[in-house]
Amino acid sequence: MGCWALSLALGCGGASKSGGEGPGGAPDPGDSSSTGNGGRPQHPPPAQGAFIVTLSTSDASGKTCPSGASSTFDVPPVLATSPAEKLSSTSYQHWVADGDGDSRVACRVQGGSSFAFSGRLERGVEILDITEGVVDGARAGSARITVADGTRLSNALASPGADCVVEVVTTSSGPQIKNGSMWATFSCASLEHAPSDACAAAGTFVLENCEP
């Protein structure tokens, strides 16, 4: 999807994106999935993206959030060093690509008037897994979300069903979703691990160079 043209004219952290399409659908100059070298097809770029999630106390009766009252972590780890550049609904400047060190990214975004999506982003012990994702023509929808962080959580936490609220980010270029890529916020009333762990969760994720 290239570096999204945001209304705040944010850059891409000094690096150019590898592949995808621009918001208007035209291939980016750096799209390595296009043909070149005399028309010979190139390998598609690896899936890439980012996420940030904040865990907090939930309303689940009899359960507690093992990370404490509030805990935030992100992939890549931008918040700790450059908080002004952290991923949000208005800023996307840093990302990880599948196979880059200990990072793994796999995703699918498919649709037109509505979309189905799934994705998994991980860097070491920090993981965001998204399944059963759907958004409608108004670019609002739901998904089942699982998070893990080996430094803060003893176990992965998952929503009971596809009941986390997902909203596609809209910039001056329009809604940031199309076949193969999306940028969205999410909120979950409860992510749980039986018998007694439960946290509310909210965050933002980006999936790029996904399977359409």
Protein backbone atom coordinates (compact mmCIF):
# COMPACT_ATOMS: atom_id res chain seq x y z
CA MET A 1 0.00 0.00 0.00
CA GLY A 2 3.05 2.16 0.14
CA CYS A 3 3.37 5.08 2.54
CA TRP A 4 -0.19 6.21 3.16
CA ALA A 5 -0.78 9.86 2.28
CA LEU A 6 -2.08 11.15 5.59
CA SER A 7 -3.83 14.42 6.14
CA LEU A 8 -0.95 15.33 8.48
CA ALA A 9 1.56 14.65 5.69
CA LEU A 10 3.48 12.21 7.85
CA GLY A 11 6.46 10.47 6.33
CA CYS A 12 7.49 6.84 6.50
CA GLY A 13 10.25 7.04 9.07
CA GLY A 14 12.95 7.70 6.50
CA ALA A 15 12.46 4.45 4.61
CA SER A 16 10.40 3.63 1.56
CA LYS A 17 7.77 0.93 1.68
CA SER A 18 8.39 -2.24 -0.23
CA GLY A 19 5.53 -2.95 -2.56
CA GLY A 20 1.78 -2.79 -2.41
CA GLU A 21 -0.40 -0.16 -4.01
CA GLY A 22 -0.92 3.48 -3.24
CA PRO A 23 -4.26 4.61 -1.80
CA GLY A 24 -5.58 5.35 -5.27
CA GLY A 25 -4.80 1.87 -6.53
CA ALA A 26 -1.77 2.71 -8.68
CA PRO A 27 1.34 0.57 -8.07
CA ASP A 28 4.01 2.20 -5.95
CA PRO A 29 7.34 2.87 -7.67
CA GLY A 30 8.95 0.41 -5.27
CA ASP A 31 6.45 -2.38 -5.89
CA SER A 32 8.66 -5.44 -6.35
CA SER A 33 5.68 -7.56 -7.35
CA SER A 34 5.47 -5.82 -10.74
CA THR A 35 7.26 -7.11 -13.81
CA GLY A 36 10.73 -5.91 -14.63
CA ASN A 37 14.03 -7.08 -16.04
CA GLY A 38 12.69 -7.43 -19.54
CA GLY A 39 9.18 -8.37 -18.44
CA ARG A 40 10.16 -11.24 -16.14
CA PRO A 41 7.89 -11.33 -13.03
CA GLN A 42 9.49 -10.53 -9.69
CA HIS A 43 8.81 -12.17 -6.36
CA PRO A 44 5.98 -10.47 -4.45
CA PRO A 45 7.04 -8.42 -1.42
CA PRO A 46 6.72 -10.08 1.99
CA ALA A 47 3.71 -9.39 4.18
CA GLN A 48 4.38 -6.54 6.59
CA GLY A 49 2.66 -4.37 9.15
CA ALA A 50 2.53 -3.23 12.76
CA PHE A 51 0.33 -3.24 15.85
CA ILE A 52 -0.07 -1.57 19.21
CA VAL A 53 -2.34 -2.83 22.00
CA THR A 54 -3.24 -1.57 25.46
CA LEU A 55 -4.52 -4.08 28.03
CA SER A 56 -6.54 -2.83 30.99
CA THR A 57 -8.89 -4.03 33.70
CA SER A 58 -12.05 -5.61 32.29
CA ASP A 59 -15.57 -5.90 33.69
CA ALA A 60 -15.49 -9.70 33.61
CA SER A 61 -16.84 -10.85 36.97
CA GLY A 62 -14.39 -12.71 39.17
CA LYS A 63 -11.47 -12.28 36.78
CA THR A 64 -8.40 -10.04 36.84
CA CYS A 65 -6.08 -8.63 34.22
CA PRO A 66 -2.65 -10.25 34.74
CA SER A 67 -0.81 -7.30 33.17
CA GLY A 68 -2.14 -4.91 35.85
CA ALA A 69 -4.34 -1.84 35.56
CA SER A 70 -2.88 -0.82 32.19
CA SER A 71 -0.08 -2.09 29.97
CA THR A 72 0.82 -1.15 26.38
CA PHE A 73 3.14 -2.92 23.94
CA ASP A 74 3.77 -2.61 20.23
CA VAL A 75 5.43 -4.30 17.25
CA PRO A 76 7.79 -2.92 16.17
CA PRO A 77 8.77 -1.47 19.59
CA VAL A 78 8.43 2.25 18.88
CA LEU A 79 6.56 3.47 21.96
CA ALA A 80 9.50 3.02 24.35
CA THR A 81 11.94 5.03 22.24
CA SER A 82 9.88 7.39 20.06
CA PRO A 83 6.39 7.79 21.59
CA ALA A 84 5.45 10.58 19.17
CA GLU A 85 5.93 8.14 16.29
CA LYS A 86 3.89 5.27 17.71
CA LEU A 87 1.26 3.61 15.55
CA SER A 88 -2.17 5.24 15.86
CA SER A 89 -5.17 6.12 13.72
CA THR A 90 -3.22 9.10 12.35
CA SER A 91 0.40 7.89 12.37
CA TYR A 92 1.98 4.88 10.65
CA GLN A 93 5.73 5.24 10.25
CA HIS A 94 7.32 1.94 11.32
CA TRP A 95 6.66 -1.71 10.47
CA VAL A 96 8.07 -5.23 10.44
CA ALA A 97 8.21 -7.59 7.47
CA ASP A 98 7.83 -11.35 7.43
CA GLY A 99 11.23 -12.97 7.85
CA ASP A 100 12.91 -9.84 9.18
CA GLY A 101 14.84 -11.24 12.15
CA ASP A 102 12.37 -12.88 14.53
CA SER A 103 9.36 -11.18 12.91
CA ARG A 104 6.60 -13.17 11.25
CA VAL A 105 3.68 -11.64 9.35
CA ALA A 106 0.91 -13.46 7.49
CA CYS A 107 -2.40 -11.95 6.42
CA ARG A 108 -5.34 -11.93 4.03
CA VAL A 109 -7.61 -9.00 3.14
CA GLN A 110 -10.27 -9.65 0.51
CA GLY A 111 -13.40 -7.89 -0.65
CA GLY A 112 -14.96 -4.91 -2.34
CA SER A 113 -18.13 -3.39 -0.91
CA SER A 114 -17.35 -5.38 2.25
CA PHE A 115 -14.20 -7.21 3.33
CA ALA A 116 -13.09 -10.37 5.11
CA PHE A 117 -9.68 -10.36 6.74
CA SER A 118 -7.30 -12.21 9.01
CA GLY A 119 -3.72 -11.72 10.07
CA ARG A 120 -0.96 -12.64 12.46
CA LEU A 121 1.92 -10.34 13.41
CA GLU A 122 4.61 -11.49 15.78
CA ARG A 123 8.02 -10.40 16.94
CA GLY A 124 9.55 -12.77 19.44
CA VAL A 125 7.09 -13.24 22.31
CA GLU A 126 4.74 -10.42 21.25
CA ILE A 127 1.86 -11.56 19.05
CA LEU A 128 -1.40 -10.21 17.64
CA ASP A 129 -3.60 -12.80 15.93
CA ILE A 130 -6.78 -11.77 14.08
CA THR A 131 -9.36 -14.25 12.76
CA GLU A 132 -12.97 -14.17 11.53
CA GLY A 133 -12.60 -10.49 10.62
CA VAL A 134 -15.30 -8.73 8.59
CA VAL A 135 -16.10 -5.08 7.84
CA ASP A 136 -19.14 -3.75 6.00
CA GLY A 137 -19.62 -0.96 3.51
CA ALA A 138 -19.43 1.58 6.33
CA ARG A 139 -15.97 0.16 7.13
CA ALA A 140 -17.03 -1.05 10.58
CA GLY A 141 -17.08 -4.65 11.70
CA SER A 142 -15.73 -7.26 14.07
CA ALA A 143 -13.05 -9.91 14.58
CA ARG A 144 -11.77 -12.48 17.03
CA ILE A 145 -8.50 -11.26 18.50
CA THR A 146 -5.77 -13.01 20.47
CA VAL A 147 -2.77 -11.29 22.05
CA ALA A 148 0.36 -12.68 23.69
CA ASP A 149 3.34 -11.06 25.35
CA GLY A 150 5.73 -13.38 27.14
CA THR A 151 7.17 -10.58 29.25
CA ARG A 152 3.81 -9.43 30.65
CA LEU A 153 1.45 -12.39 30.30
CA SER A 154 1.82 -16.02 31.35
CA ASN A 155 -0.76 -17.09 28.77
CA ALA A 156 -2.23 -15.77 25.54
CA LEU A 157 -5.54 -13.93 25.93
CA ALA A 158 -8.36 -14.36 23.38
CA SER A 159 -11.78 -12.86 22.84
CA PRO A 160 -14.57 -15.40 23.47
CA GLY A 161 -15.79 -14.97 19.89
CA ALA A 162 -15.61 -12.59 16.95
CA ASP A 163 -16.88 -9.79 19.17
CA CYS A 164 -14.05 -7.25 19.10
CA VAL A 165 -15.11 -4.03 17.38
CA VAL A 166 -13.03 -3.08 14.32
CA GLU A 167 -13.12 0.29 12.55
CA VAL A 168 -11.13 1.05 9.40
CA VAL A 169 -8.99 4.18 9.59
CA THR A 170 -10.04 6.98 7.23
CA THR A 171 -7.54 9.59 6.08
CA SER A 172 -7.70 12.38 3.53
CA SER A 173 -7.22 9.62 0.94
CA GLY A 174 -10.32 7.78 2.15
CA PRO A 175 -10.86 4.48 4.01
CA GLN A 176 -7.58 2.61 4.34
CA ILE A 177 -8.67 -0.84 3.18
CA LYS A 178 -8.60 -2.71 -0.11
CA ASN A 179 -7.65 -6.12 -1.41
CA GLY A 180 -4.36 -7.03 0.22
CA SER A 181 -4.06 -4.31 2.87
CA MET A 182 -5.83 -2.48 5.69
CA TRP A 183 -5.28 -0.09 8.61
CA ALA A 184 -7.78 -0.24 11.48
CA THR A 185 -8.45 0.29 15.18
CA PHE A 186 -9.97 -2.35 17.46
CA SER A 187 -11.47 -2.65 20.91
CA CYS A 188 -12.36 -5.78 22.89
CA ALA A 189 -14.50 -5.79 26.02
CA SER A 190 -12.68 -8.89 27.23
CA LEU A 191 -9.72 -11.05 26.19
CA GLU A 192 -9.57 -14.11 28.41
CA HIS A 193 -7.68 -17.18 29.52
CA ALA A 194 -9.49 -19.67 31.74
CA PRO A 195 -10.06 -19.80 34.57
CA SER A 196 -9.39 -16.34 35.95
CA ASP A 197 -7.57 -14.06 33.48
CA ALA A 198 -9.41 -11.32 31.59
CA CYS A 199 -8.36 -7.93 30.19
CA ALA A 200 -10.06 -5.29 28.11
CA ALA A 201 -8.03 -4.39 25.03
CA ALA A 202 -7.79 -1.57 22.51
CA GLY A 203 -5.32 -0.82 19.76
CA THR A 204 -4.44 -0.30 16.12
CA PHE A 205 -3.06 -2.63 13.47
CA VAL A 206 -1.82 -2.43 9.89
CA LEU A 207 -1.65 -5.36 7.45
CA GLU A 208 0.10 -4.89 4.10
CA ASN A 209 1.16 -7.01 1.12
CA CYS A 210 -1.42 -9.59 2.20
CA GLU A 211 -3.03 -12.32 0.13
CA PRO A 212 -6.07 -10.80 -1.60
